[in-house]
Structures are given as structure tokens and as C-alpha cells.
Protein backbone atom coordinates (compact mmCIF):
# COMPACT_ATOMS: atom_id res chain seq x y z
CA MET A 1 6.26 8.68 -30.08
CA LYS A 2 3.00 6.15 -30.65
CA LYS A 3 -0.33 7.84 -31.31
CA VAL A 4 -3.40 5.17 -30.87
CA ALA A 5 -6.56 6.55 -31.39
CA ILE A 6 -9.68 6.34 -28.69
CA LEU A 7 -11.21 2.79 -27.93
CA THR A 8 -8.85 1.50 -31.18
CA SER A 9 -5.17 0.54 -31.84
CA ALA A 10 -4.18 2.67 -35.15
CA LEU A 11 -0.95 3.94 -35.08
CA ILE A 12 -0.39 7.05 -36.52
CA ALA A 13 3.56 8.82 -36.51
CA LEU A 14 3.60 11.98 -33.93
CA SER A 15 5.94 14.31 -34.75
CA GLY A 16 8.33 16.67 -32.88
CA CYS A 17 7.87 18.04 -29.38
CA LEU A 18 6.95 21.94 -29.20
CA ASP A 19 7.73 22.79 -25.78
CA ASP A 20 7.05 19.60 -24.64
CA PRO A 21 8.24 19.84 -20.62
CA PHE A 22 9.76 16.09 -20.56
CA GLU A 23 13.93 16.51 -21.16
CA TYR A 24 14.34 13.22 -23.05
CA PRO A 25 17.81 11.42 -22.27
CA SER A 26 20.75 13.16 -23.97
CA ASP A 27 22.20 9.94 -25.37
CA GLY A 28 19.44 8.96 -27.17
CA LYS A 29 19.38 5.27 -27.21
CA THR A 30 15.37 4.81 -26.69
CA ASP A 31 15.03 1.70 -28.09
CA GLY A 32 14.26 -0.26 -24.46
CA GLY A 33 18.33 -2.44 -26.01
CA VAL A 34 20.99 -2.89 -23.73
CA VAL A 35 24.17 -2.59 -25.65
CA GLY A 36 27.45 -4.60 -26.52
CA GLY A 37 30.23 -5.13 -23.70
CA GLU A 38 30.81 -8.15 -22.08
CA VAL A 39 28.38 -10.96 -21.18
CA SER A 40 28.63 -13.65 -18.76
CA GLN A 41 26.70 -16.99 -19.40
CA LEU A 42 24.66 -18.04 -16.54
CA TYR A 43 22.30 -20.21 -18.27
CA GLY A 44 21.42 -20.13 -21.50
CA GLU A 45 23.29 -20.51 -25.26
CA GLY A 46 27.42 -20.52 -24.38
CA SER A 47 26.60 -21.32 -20.93
CA THR A 48 28.77 -23.55 -19.63
CA GLY A 49 27.57 -25.06 -16.26
CA THR A 50 28.94 -23.69 -13.55
CA PHE A 51 25.77 -23.15 -12.30
CA GLN A 52 23.45 -25.79 -10.96
CA MET A 53 19.89 -24.07 -11.56
CA GLN A 54 17.40 -26.01 -8.55
CA ALA A 55 13.73 -25.05 -7.71
CA THR A 56 12.44 -25.28 -4.23
CA ASP A 57 9.27 -26.01 -3.13
CA LYS A 58 6.34 -24.78 -0.33
CA ALA A 59 7.98 -26.82 2.40
CA ASP A 60 11.41 -25.64 1.24
CA VAL A 61 12.04 -28.93 -0.12
CA THR A 62 15.44 -28.35 -3.09
CA ALA A 63 15.90 -30.52 -5.64
CA ASP A 64 18.54 -30.56 -8.87
CA VAL A 65 16.54 -29.78 -11.98
CA ASP A 66 16.69 -31.31 -15.18
CA GLY A 67 13.89 -30.53 -17.66
CA GLN A 68 11.83 -33.23 -16.53
CA ALA A 69 8.79 -33.84 -14.23
CA ASN A 70 9.93 -34.22 -10.20
CA SER A 71 7.55 -36.45 -7.63
CA ALA A 72 9.51 -35.14 -5.40
CA LEU A 73 8.79 -30.91 -5.28
CA SER A 74 5.30 -30.41 -4.41
CA ASN A 75 4.15 -27.03 -6.24
CA ILE A 76 7.12 -26.13 -8.38
CA GLN A 77 7.47 -27.97 -11.72
CA VAL A 78 10.53 -26.76 -14.19
CA ILE A 79 9.93 -28.80 -17.60
CA GLY A 80 12.07 -27.95 -20.89
CA ASP A 81 15.29 -29.15 -22.73
CA TYR A 82 17.50 -28.26 -19.99
CA ALA A 83 20.96 -29.96 -21.01
CA ASN A 84 20.92 -27.52 -24.12
CA LYS A 85 20.20 -24.38 -21.86
CA ALA A 86 16.83 -24.03 -23.22
CA ALA A 87 13.59 -21.51 -22.26
CA LEU A 88 12.48 -23.58 -19.12
CA ASN A 89 8.97 -23.33 -18.09
CA VAL A 90 8.64 -22.48 -14.15
CA ALA A 91 5.35 -23.42 -12.99
CA VAL A 92 4.17 -22.69 -9.35
CA THR A 93 0.55 -23.90 -7.71
CA ASP A 94 -1.75 -24.12 -4.98
CA ASN A 95 -0.57 -20.02 -4.05
CA ASP A 96 1.92 -20.84 -2.22
CA LYS A 97 6.11 -19.74 -2.22
CA ALA A 98 8.43 -21.36 -4.25
CA SER A 99 12.03 -20.20 -6.63
CA ILE A 100 14.04 -21.23 -8.83
CA GLN A 101 17.55 -20.50 -8.20
CA LEU A 102 21.56 -20.90 -9.80
CA VAL A 103 23.87 -22.65 -7.61
CA SER A 104 27.27 -23.42 -6.66
CA SER A 105 29.66 -24.80 -4.54
CA THR A 106 32.32 -22.45 -3.98
CA GLY A 107 31.86 -18.60 -4.90
CA VAL A 108 32.72 -18.43 -8.63
CA ASP A 109 33.76 -14.33 -9.77
CA LEU A 110 31.48 -12.51 -11.68
CA ALA A 111 32.40 -9.28 -10.70
CA LYS A 112 34.24 -8.36 -14.36
CA PRO A 113 31.05 -7.42 -15.81
CA ASN A 114 30.25 -5.34 -13.20
CA ALA A 115 33.93 -3.85 -13.32
CA ASP A 116 32.19 0.34 -13.78
CA GLY A 117 29.71 -0.09 -11.56
CA ALA A 118 26.96 -0.08 -15.04
CA GLY A 119 26.84 -3.64 -15.10
CA VAL A 120 23.37 -5.51 -15.55
CA LEU A 121 21.39 -8.77 -14.77
CA LEU A 122 18.92 -9.37 -17.27
CA PHE A 123 17.06 -12.94 -17.89
CA ASP A 124 13.58 -13.43 -20.70
CA ILE A 125 10.47 -14.03 -19.25
CA LYS A 126 7.81 -14.62 -21.51
CA VAL A 127 4.62 -14.78 -18.24
CA ASN A 128 2.15 -16.96 -19.06
CA GLU A 129 -0.20 -16.92 -16.00
CA PHE A 130 0.79 -15.11 -12.55
CA THR A 131 -1.76 -14.92 -9.75
CA LYS A 132 -0.97 -10.56 -9.20
CA LEU A 133 -3.46 -9.71 -6.47
CA SER A 134 -5.87 -11.85 -3.86
CA GLY A 135 -8.54 -10.38 -1.63
CA SER A 136 -10.22 -7.35 -0.91
CA PRO A 137 -8.63 -4.87 0.11
CA ALA A 138 -6.60 -6.38 -2.09
CA VAL A 139 -2.99 -7.94 -1.98
CA ILE A 140 0.32 -8.39 -4.30
CA HIS A 141 1.97 -11.50 -4.26
CA PRO A 142 4.95 -9.65 -4.42
CA VAL A 143 8.00 -11.45 -6.97
CA THR A 144 12.04 -11.04 -5.87
CA VAL A 145 15.32 -11.75 -7.67
CA THR A 146 17.52 -12.48 -4.70
CA LEU A 147 21.30 -13.28 -5.28
CA ASN A 148 24.37 -14.39 -2.83
CA SER A 149 27.65 -14.43 -1.90
CA GLU A 150 29.84 -16.93 0.40
CA GLY A 151 29.58 -15.38 3.82
CA ALA A 152 25.89 -15.83 3.11
CA ASN A 153 25.61 -11.87 2.07
CA GLU A 154 21.77 -11.31 0.51
CA ALA A 155 20.18 -9.05 -1.71
CA SER A 156 16.79 -8.99 -3.35
CA VAL A 157 15.00 -6.52 -5.35
CA ASP A 158 11.72 -6.74 -5.63
CA ILE A 159 10.28 -7.56 -9.89
CA THR A 160 6.54 -7.10 -9.28
CA SER A 161 5.45 -4.77 -10.98
CA SER A 162 7.07 -6.40 -13.85
CA VAL A 163 5.58 -9.28 -13.98
CA SER A 164 2.52 -7.25 -13.54
CA ALA A 165 2.82 -5.69 -16.58
CA PHE A 166 4.14 -8.18 -18.84
CA LEU A 167 1.07 -10.21 -17.93
CA GLY A 168 -0.80 -7.11 -18.43
CA ALA A 169 0.91 -6.84 -22.36
CA LYS A 170 -0.02 -10.69 -23.28
CA GLY A 171 -1.85 -10.88 -26.32
CA TYR A 172 -1.56 -6.33 -27.19
CA PRO A 173 -0.94 -6.09 -30.86
CA GLY A 174 2.87 -5.38 -31.23
CA ALA A 175 3.71 -6.56 -27.30
CA ASN A 176 6.89 -8.89 -27.49
CA ASP A 177 5.02 -12.30 -26.26
CA THR A 178 9.02 -12.43 -24.01
CA GLN A 179 9.94 -8.85 -22.30
CA THR A 180 13.28 -8.71 -21.35
CA VAL A 181 14.09 -8.02 -17.14
CA LYS A 182 17.58 -5.94 -16.31
CA LEU A 183 18.39 -4.97 -12.81
CA PRO A 184 21.41 -2.86 -12.32
CA LEU A 185 24.78 -5.01 -10.42
CA THR A 186 25.25 -2.62 -7.88
CA CYS A 187 21.51 -3.46 -6.63
CA PHE A 188 23.07 -6.37 -4.89
CA SER A 189 27.13 -5.25 -4.79
CA GLY A 190 26.36 -2.14 -3.11
CA ASN A 191 24.02 -4.17 -0.59
CA GLY A 192 26.72 -6.52 0.58
CA VAL A 193 26.84 -8.94 -2.02
CA ASP A 194 29.94 -9.94 -3.05
CA LEU A 195 30.05 -10.46 -7.20
CA SER A 196 33.43 -11.31 -6.77
CA LYS A 197 32.26 -14.67 -4.54
CA SER A 198 29.03 -15.62 -6.12
CA THR A 199 27.46 -18.50 -5.07
CA GLN A 200 23.58 -18.01 -6.39
CA PRO A 201 24.23 -15.41 -8.94
CA PHE A 202 20.49 -16.21 -9.73
CA SER A 203 17.34 -16.82 -8.04
CA MET A 204 13.02 -15.86 -8.10
CA LYS A 205 11.09 -15.98 -5.82
CA VAL A 206 7.64 -16.27 -5.88
CA SER A 207 4.59 -16.42 -3.48
CA SER A 208 1.61 -17.27 -5.59
CA ASN A 209 -0.05 -19.28 -9.14
CA MET A 210 2.36 -18.27 -11.39
CA ASN A 211 3.11 -20.07 -15.59
CA VAL A 212 6.36 -18.69 -17.05
CA ASP A 213 9.47 -19.27 -19.05
CA VAL A 214 12.92 -18.48 -18.47
CA SER A 215 15.61 -18.28 -20.85
CA ASN A 216 19.11 -16.30 -20.97
CA ILE A 217 20.21 -15.02 -17.50
CA ARG A 218 23.06 -13.43 -18.27
CA PHE A 219 25.88 -10.36 -16.15
CA GLN A 220 26.41 -7.77 -19.42
CA ALA A 221 28.77 -4.67 -18.73
CA GLU A 222 27.13 -1.65 -19.58
CA ALA A 223 29.49 0.03 -22.67
CA GLY A 224 28.18 2.68 -22.89
CA GLY A 225 27.96 2.98 -18.91
CA ASP A 226 23.49 3.20 -18.71
CA LYS A 227 21.93 3.94 -15.89
CA PRO A 228 18.30 2.89 -13.92
CA GLY A 229 15.93 4.75 -16.29
CA ILE A 230 17.54 4.42 -19.60
CA ASN A 231 16.79 1.47 -21.68
CA ASN A 232 13.90 0.18 -19.61
CA ILE A 233 17.06 -1.12 -17.02
CA VAL A 234 14.59 -1.10 -13.24
CA ASP A 235 16.80 1.05 -10.93
CA CYS A 236 17.32 -1.12 -7.46
CA ASP A 237 13.16 -0.79 -6.03
CA LYS A 238 11.94 2.02 -3.85
CA PRO A 239 9.44 0.86 -2.25
CA GLU A 240 8.56 4.30 -0.08
CA LYS A 241 8.84 6.85 -3.39
CA ARG A 242 5.40 5.12 -5.00
CA GLU A 243 2.42 3.99 -4.57
CA VAL A 244 1.05 0.39 -5.83
CA LEU A 245 -2.18 0.89 -7.07
CA THR A 246 -4.47 -1.88 -5.88
CA ASP A 247 -7.80 -0.70 -6.46
CA ALA A 248 -10.91 -1.35 -8.35
CA GLU A 249 -10.89 2.04 -9.24
CA SER A 250 -8.71 4.75 -8.61
CA LEU A 251 -10.37 8.58 -8.64
CA VAL A 252 -7.30 10.68 -9.99
CA TYR A 253 -9.35 13.71 -9.74
CA SER A 254 -12.57 15.36 -9.40
CA PHE A 255 -14.29 18.40 -8.98
CA ASP A 256 -17.83 19.48 -7.80
CA GLY A 257 -17.47 23.45 -8.53
CA GLY A 258 -15.94 24.38 -4.72
CA ALA A 259 -14.08 21.68 -3.68
CA ASP A 260 -11.21 18.84 -5.42
CA ALA A 261 -11.27 15.00 -5.20
CA GLY A 262 -8.32 12.33 -6.19
CA TRP A 263 -5.06 12.01 -5.56
CA ALA A 264 -3.76 14.49 -8.46
CA GLY A 265 -4.47 18.86 -8.18
CA TYR A 266 -4.55 20.72 -11.73
CA THR A 267 -2.71 23.12 -13.23
CA THR A 268 -1.89 24.55 -16.22
CA THR A 269 0.93 25.31 -18.42
CA ASN A 270 0.57 28.20 -21.27
CA GLY A 271 -3.40 28.77 -20.63
CA LYS A 272 -5.44 30.39 -18.58
CA LYS A 273 -7.48 28.10 -15.39
CA ILE A 274 -10.95 28.31 -16.35
CA ASP A 275 -13.84 26.28 -14.85
CA GLY A 276 -17.65 25.15 -16.35
CA SER A 277 -20.34 23.43 -15.83
CA PHE A 278 -21.26 21.10 -19.03
CA ASP A 279 -24.35 18.64 -19.07
CA GLY A 280 -24.90 19.19 -15.02
CA THR A 281 -21.02 18.23 -14.84
CA ASP A 282 -18.50 20.80 -13.33
CA PHE A 283 -15.08 20.55 -14.94
CA ARG A 284 -11.34 22.68 -15.32
CA GLY A 285 -10.05 23.98 -18.24
CA VAL A 286 -7.35 25.74 -20.15
CA GLU A 287 -7.92 28.30 -22.46
CA SER A 288 -4.33 28.73 -24.02
CA THR A 289 -2.73 31.16 -24.77
CA ALA A 290 0.64 30.17 -26.30
CA THR A 291 2.20 32.03 -28.91
CA GLY A 292 4.69 31.19 -31.47
CA THR A 293 6.07 27.30 -30.75
CA LYS A 294 5.47 27.02 -27.15
CA ASN A 295 2.38 24.40 -26.25
CA SER A 296 -0.20 24.39 -23.99
CA PHE A 297 -1.14 21.91 -21.23
CA LEU A 298 -4.13 20.65 -18.72
CA THR A 299 -1.87 18.91 -15.51
CA PHE A 300 -3.29 16.18 -13.02
CA LEU A 301 -0.16 16.30 -10.85
CA ILE A 302 0.26 14.49 -7.14
CA LYS A 303 -0.49 15.74 -3.56
CA ASP A 304 1.70 13.93 -2.12
CA ASP A 305 5.35 12.55 -2.22
CA LEU A 306 4.42 9.34 -3.68
CA LEU A 307 4.24 8.60 -7.11
CA LYS A 308 2.01 6.33 -8.70
CA ASP A 309 2.81 2.86 -10.00
CA PHE A 310 0.00 1.36 -12.40
CA SER A 311 1.17 -1.76 -13.41
CA GLN A 312 -1.21 -3.66 -11.48
CA TYR A 313 -4.13 -2.05 -14.09
CA LEU A 314 -2.35 -2.96 -16.91
CA GLU A 315 -3.54 -6.40 -17.56
CA ASN A 316 -7.42 -5.20 -18.41
CA GLY A 317 -6.96 -0.93 -17.00
CA ALA A 318 -7.68 2.19 -18.62
CA LEU A 319 -7.83 5.93 -18.33
CA GLN A 320 -11.61 7.18 -17.76
CA PHE A 321 -12.74 10.47 -18.17
CA ASP A 322 -15.15 13.40 -19.05
CA LEU A 323 -14.02 16.06 -21.81
CA TYR A 324 -15.56 19.29 -22.99
CA VAL A 325 -14.20 20.72 -26.38
CA GLU A 326 -14.89 24.44 -25.89
CA SER A 327 -13.33 25.56 -29.19
CA ASN A 328 -9.85 24.56 -31.28
CA SER A 329 -7.35 27.62 -31.79
CA THR A 330 -7.34 30.27 -33.66
CA THR A 331 -5.70 28.98 -36.58
CA PRO A 332 -7.22 25.21 -36.61
CA HIS A 333 -4.93 22.59 -35.68
CA PRO A 334 -3.12 20.96 -38.46
CA THR A 335 -3.69 18.03 -37.30
CA GLY A 336 -6.92 17.90 -34.61
CA GLU A 337 -5.71 15.53 -32.42
CA LEU A 338 -6.44 16.31 -28.89
CA MET A 339 -3.28 14.48 -27.11
CA VAL A 340 -2.64 12.11 -23.05
CA LYS A 341 0.78 11.83 -21.76
CA MET A 342 1.73 10.56 -18.23
CA GLU A 343 4.57 11.63 -17.00
CA THR A 344 7.61 11.41 -14.39
CA PRO A 345 9.09 14.20 -12.11
CA SER A 346 11.81 16.32 -13.43
CA LYS A 347 15.38 15.58 -12.64
CA ALA A 348 15.77 17.91 -10.46
CA ASP A 349 12.55 16.86 -8.91
CA GLU A 350 13.47 15.54 -5.10
CA ARG A 351 9.70 12.58 -5.82
CA SER A 352 12.49 11.03 -8.51
CA PRO A 353 13.24 7.24 -7.66
CA LEU A 354 17.02 9.68 -8.25
CA GLY A 355 16.51 11.93 -5.63
CA GLY A 356 16.68 14.45 -8.47
CA GLY A 357 19.77 13.06 -10.65
CA GLU A 358 21.15 14.04 -14.36
CA TYR A 359 18.25 12.05 -16.12
CA ARG A 360 15.04 11.90 -16.21
CA TYR A 361 12.59 8.94 -15.98
CA PRO A 362 10.85 8.47 -19.36
CA THR A 363 7.69 9.78 -20.47
CA SER A 364 4.46 7.53 -21.50
CA GLU A 365 3.72 7.20 -25.05
CA PHE A 366 1.31 9.85 -26.40
CA VAL A 367 -2.74 8.68 -26.94
CA VAL A 368 -5.22 10.45 -28.83
CA ALA A 369 -8.46 11.23 -27.01
CA HIS A 370 -9.90 13.31 -29.22
CA ASN A 371 -9.76 14.72 -32.59
CA LEU A 372 -11.02 18.67 -33.01
CA ASN A 373 -11.48 18.58 -36.73
CA SER A 374 -13.68 15.62 -37.12
CA ASP A 375 -15.53 15.02 -33.25
CA PRO A 376 -18.47 16.97 -32.25
CA MET A 377 -16.86 20.30 -30.44
CA GLY A 378 -19.79 21.65 -27.33
CA GLN A 379 -20.83 18.65 -25.75
CA VAL A 380 -19.67 16.17 -22.66
CA ARG A 381 -17.62 12.78 -24.74
CA LYS A 382 -17.04 9.63 -22.76
CA VAL A 383 -13.39 8.65 -22.56
CA SER A 384 -11.57 5.02 -21.80
CA LEU A 385 -7.61 4.47 -22.89
CA PRO A 386 -6.84 1.37 -22.27
CA LEU A 387 -3.39 1.69 -20.80
CA LYS A 388 -1.78 -0.50 -23.03
CA GLN A 389 -1.74 2.21 -25.35
CA PHE A 390 0.42 4.44 -22.65
CA PHE A 391 2.72 1.77 -21.55
CA VAL A 392 3.79 -1.25 -24.73
CA ARG A 393 6.54 1.04 -26.75
CA SER A 394 7.06 0.55 -29.51
CA ASP A 395 9.17 -2.47 -30.24
CA GLY A 396 7.39 -3.75 -28.71
CA SER A 397 8.51 -3.24 -24.73
CA ILE A 398 7.32 -2.65 -21.43
CA ASP A 399 7.99 1.38 -19.99
CA ILE A 400 8.58 -0.22 -16.55
CA ASN A 401 10.07 3.03 -15.38
CA ALA A 402 7.58 5.26 -16.99
CA LEU A 403 4.13 2.62 -15.36
CA LYS A 404 6.03 2.43 -12.15
CA TYR A 405 6.80 6.52 -11.09
CA VAL A 406 3.51 8.10 -12.65
CA GLN A 407 3.80 12.09 -11.38
CA LYS A 408 1.01 13.44 -13.85
CA ILE A 409 -1.25 13.41 -16.40
CA ALA A 410 -1.23 15.84 -19.26
CA ILE A 411 -3.96 16.33 -22.41
CA PHE A 412 -2.69 19.20 -25.01
CA PRO A 413 -2.54 19.82 -28.51
CA ASP A 414 -0.43 17.24 -30.63
CA THR A 415 2.75 19.62 -30.53
CA VAL A 416 3.60 20.63 -34.85
CA ASP A 417 6.66 20.72 -36.51
CA LYS A 418 7.19 24.44 -36.08
CA GLU A 419 7.64 24.88 -40.12
CA GLN A 420 4.06 25.24 -39.83
CA ASN A 421 3.68 28.24 -38.20
CA TYR A 422 0.87 27.08 -36.01
CA ASN A 423 0.01 27.38 -32.31
CA PRO A 424 -3.19 26.72 -30.40
CA LYS A 425 -3.82 30.23 -28.77
CA GLY A 426 -6.72 29.81 -27.87
CA MET A 427 -7.92 26.43 -27.67
CA THR A 428 -10.29 26.15 -25.15
CA TYR A 429 -11.56 22.03 -23.15
CA TYR A 430 -11.71 20.59 -19.91
CA ALA A 431 -11.86 17.86 -18.29
CA THR A 432 -12.73 16.06 -14.86
CA ASN A 433 -13.70 12.38 -13.47
CA LEU A 434 -10.21 11.01 -14.31
CA LYS A 435 -9.57 7.26 -12.81
CA LEU A 436 -8.23 3.95 -13.32
CA VAL A 437 -10.35 1.20 -13.94
CA MET A 438 -9.75 -2.05 -13.58
CA ASN A 439 -12.37 -3.96 -15.43
CA PRO A 440 -13.40 -1.32 -17.49
CA THR A 441 -17.45 -1.93 -18.48
CA LEU A 442 -17.35 1.84 -21.24
């Protein structure tokens, strides 16, 4: 796990998670990679040229791509070494629609990579520029991937959150410049596309200004039978399951001594609920009652059925809140670190994108908010944690599933190895005024 000190990007090794309510995937594959399996290369090294790349502009003029500028196209240009199937720079202007697509005049059989229903469409993308929002209230400019087959059968998946998140992570220390979009082929084959008669195995449609480098487009069989949610494989889009937050500020939770506000409620695990007022601010808190190998959590949980998508905040956004630490545990904490994490629903929760499935989507990285051994206690602290710290993984990938389906934000003492014979009993801390800020000044 990655641990990041408040307002820094220092990385520290995280110890074992004792009594952590997050349920990790049982296969242990968490590096963001895609395991072995047969590959059908559509564009990139090893591709045979079966499909022609085309571009379509805002006036619906379509032209073949050869890697050179094309005067017939108005607001899209696709430049690069097309002959050698290298990365192509796709530039869309005029804040209008455009697309690129791979096409064949006759249906091509691409069903084999998805023979077991676990195939994936993958492509690499470097997001240089993207107008993701405009207007007030903010309007999202969608980006979709569409597949077609003979008979005009078509299906699409919205990847706007992924593209927005990739732009957001740009330049962050350790983040990959080029990310990989991974979409289950069942998103398309399950919605009418016949992969054995593919006429358009890839199309990316945009609706605003964008500059991206696209490469290595392929279908791949998943040898390990991976599913959406594992290894950064995005599920078929379920807009009915989530709310994409777009306000300049989104209030997660606040408390005025009599009533709660925001889209989250307050609860505790292995701890007594307590209220307090410090420096004129009302707080909700937890007094740990944990013993043995258990841990305590101060948690802010969504009140409605819509999971929260934080992708539009990743570029500059931060999680901010007021924190008051009253006391350490009876036995002082070995690392002294008070952590924050963001979680997706449990596997049995109907709010899960899977509707209650056999595994759980991932949690965010763990981020340090306070050090009980070095930071003063007994005073109100203004905490501001850049969201990049939560969602850029140690291998440089963006954990898009953790980012799109946030159910709760938890504050808790760093979990330590049970060999250290420690428990957090007696530790008391409070938080309030949690909010997401798109362009923070703190």
C-alpha cells in the first residue's frame, strides 16, 4: 500500500491490515496488469492491417488515416507513423464532436479472445489535453468506445471518467504518462455486437477539445478469467449506480451540533460515538474500544443509493476536513499515523456495480492525515489531501474502479502487525467539514 504524508508525496511502506473491513480479491492480482492469453492485435506492433484507421470530423466527413495532416477534415487530425503502427496523436478542436475508428468492409471473426466470456478490449492512451467540463452548472463532455458488427449492431461504453482521471494524474510523481483502458468484451457482445462478424472493433468518440496519443489497440483473452473490478478492468458502464460529482465543492459531511449535512452520514466501528466542540466548531468523533488485533474507524458513509465518482476532481482536487485529536491510545501507537482511505461497497451490497457479487471492488490507497507522535494534539487542524494520493497506485496506474464507486471515507489508526501486541483502545479523535474541492487554496 502507499502511504503519503499530509501535503507531501513521500511514500512509505504500509504494514498489515488488521480488522480492516475491506475484502481483498482472493486471486492476489493487484498490480494492474493483464495476465497472458491470446491477443488479436488490431492496431500496433504485430497487427496485419486487416482494419483501416479512419477519422470523422464534426461535419461527419470521414477520411482514411495515413499519419499525415488531412485538409478534408475540419476539427480532427491524426498524426504519426501509421505505416509502422506506432502511437498516433489525435487532436480534436472546436469543442465539437469527432471520432477515430478501425473499420473493415466485411465482418472479421474476432470472437476467439472472448470464447470464455472473459476477453478484454485494451488500448493505451496518453491524455495530453481534455476539456472535461464546461459551463455552470458544469456539463460533462463524454468520451465513448463503440464496437460494431454486421447488421449495424452497435454497443458503447462511456470512458469519460477514465480519460478525466488519466488527465488528472498527469505529472504526478510515479504516475504513468501512458495508461491502459481495459473494457470487458461482454460489454459489447452482451449488447448485440457479434464479435465473429466485426466491422468496427474499435471507435473512440469525443465531444470536446482533446489531444491524446493512442496506441496498441487489441483484444485479449484473460487466461486467469479476470473480471471487471480486478486489475483495473472497468465494468460495462452503469450510470444508474453512480453520481459523477462536478461542483467546485462537494460537501461530504458537516455537523452543526444539531443536524448533519452533506451526502454522507456518520458511523463508527469498534468505537464509541462522541461529539465535541473545539474552537467554535462542532465535531463528530470516535473513542476507540478496540482490543487485541481489531481496529477502530470513524466513517462517513453515503446516505443514498448512488455511489460517488470522484474522477472530475483528480486533476487538482483535494479532500479537506477539520480534524481534532484528543488523545493517543493507552499504549502509544507504534507509527503514530492516523490514516484516511476511500472504500467501495462490500461484495454483498446491492449498491455495488455488480449488484452484490462474488468479490469486491478495490479500496483507495491509504493516506496519512496526522501523526500522533509528532503532530500536536488538542488543537483543530485543517487537513488537505490531494486526491491523486488516493488513486495513483504504486505501479503508476490509476485505480479507476476505486475512483468511480466511492461509498465511504474512513479515518483510522494505521494498522500494525499483531506481533507488536498493540491495540488502539482509548484513542480519541474527531472530524467534520469534509468536502471535495476542485481547485483548493489551502
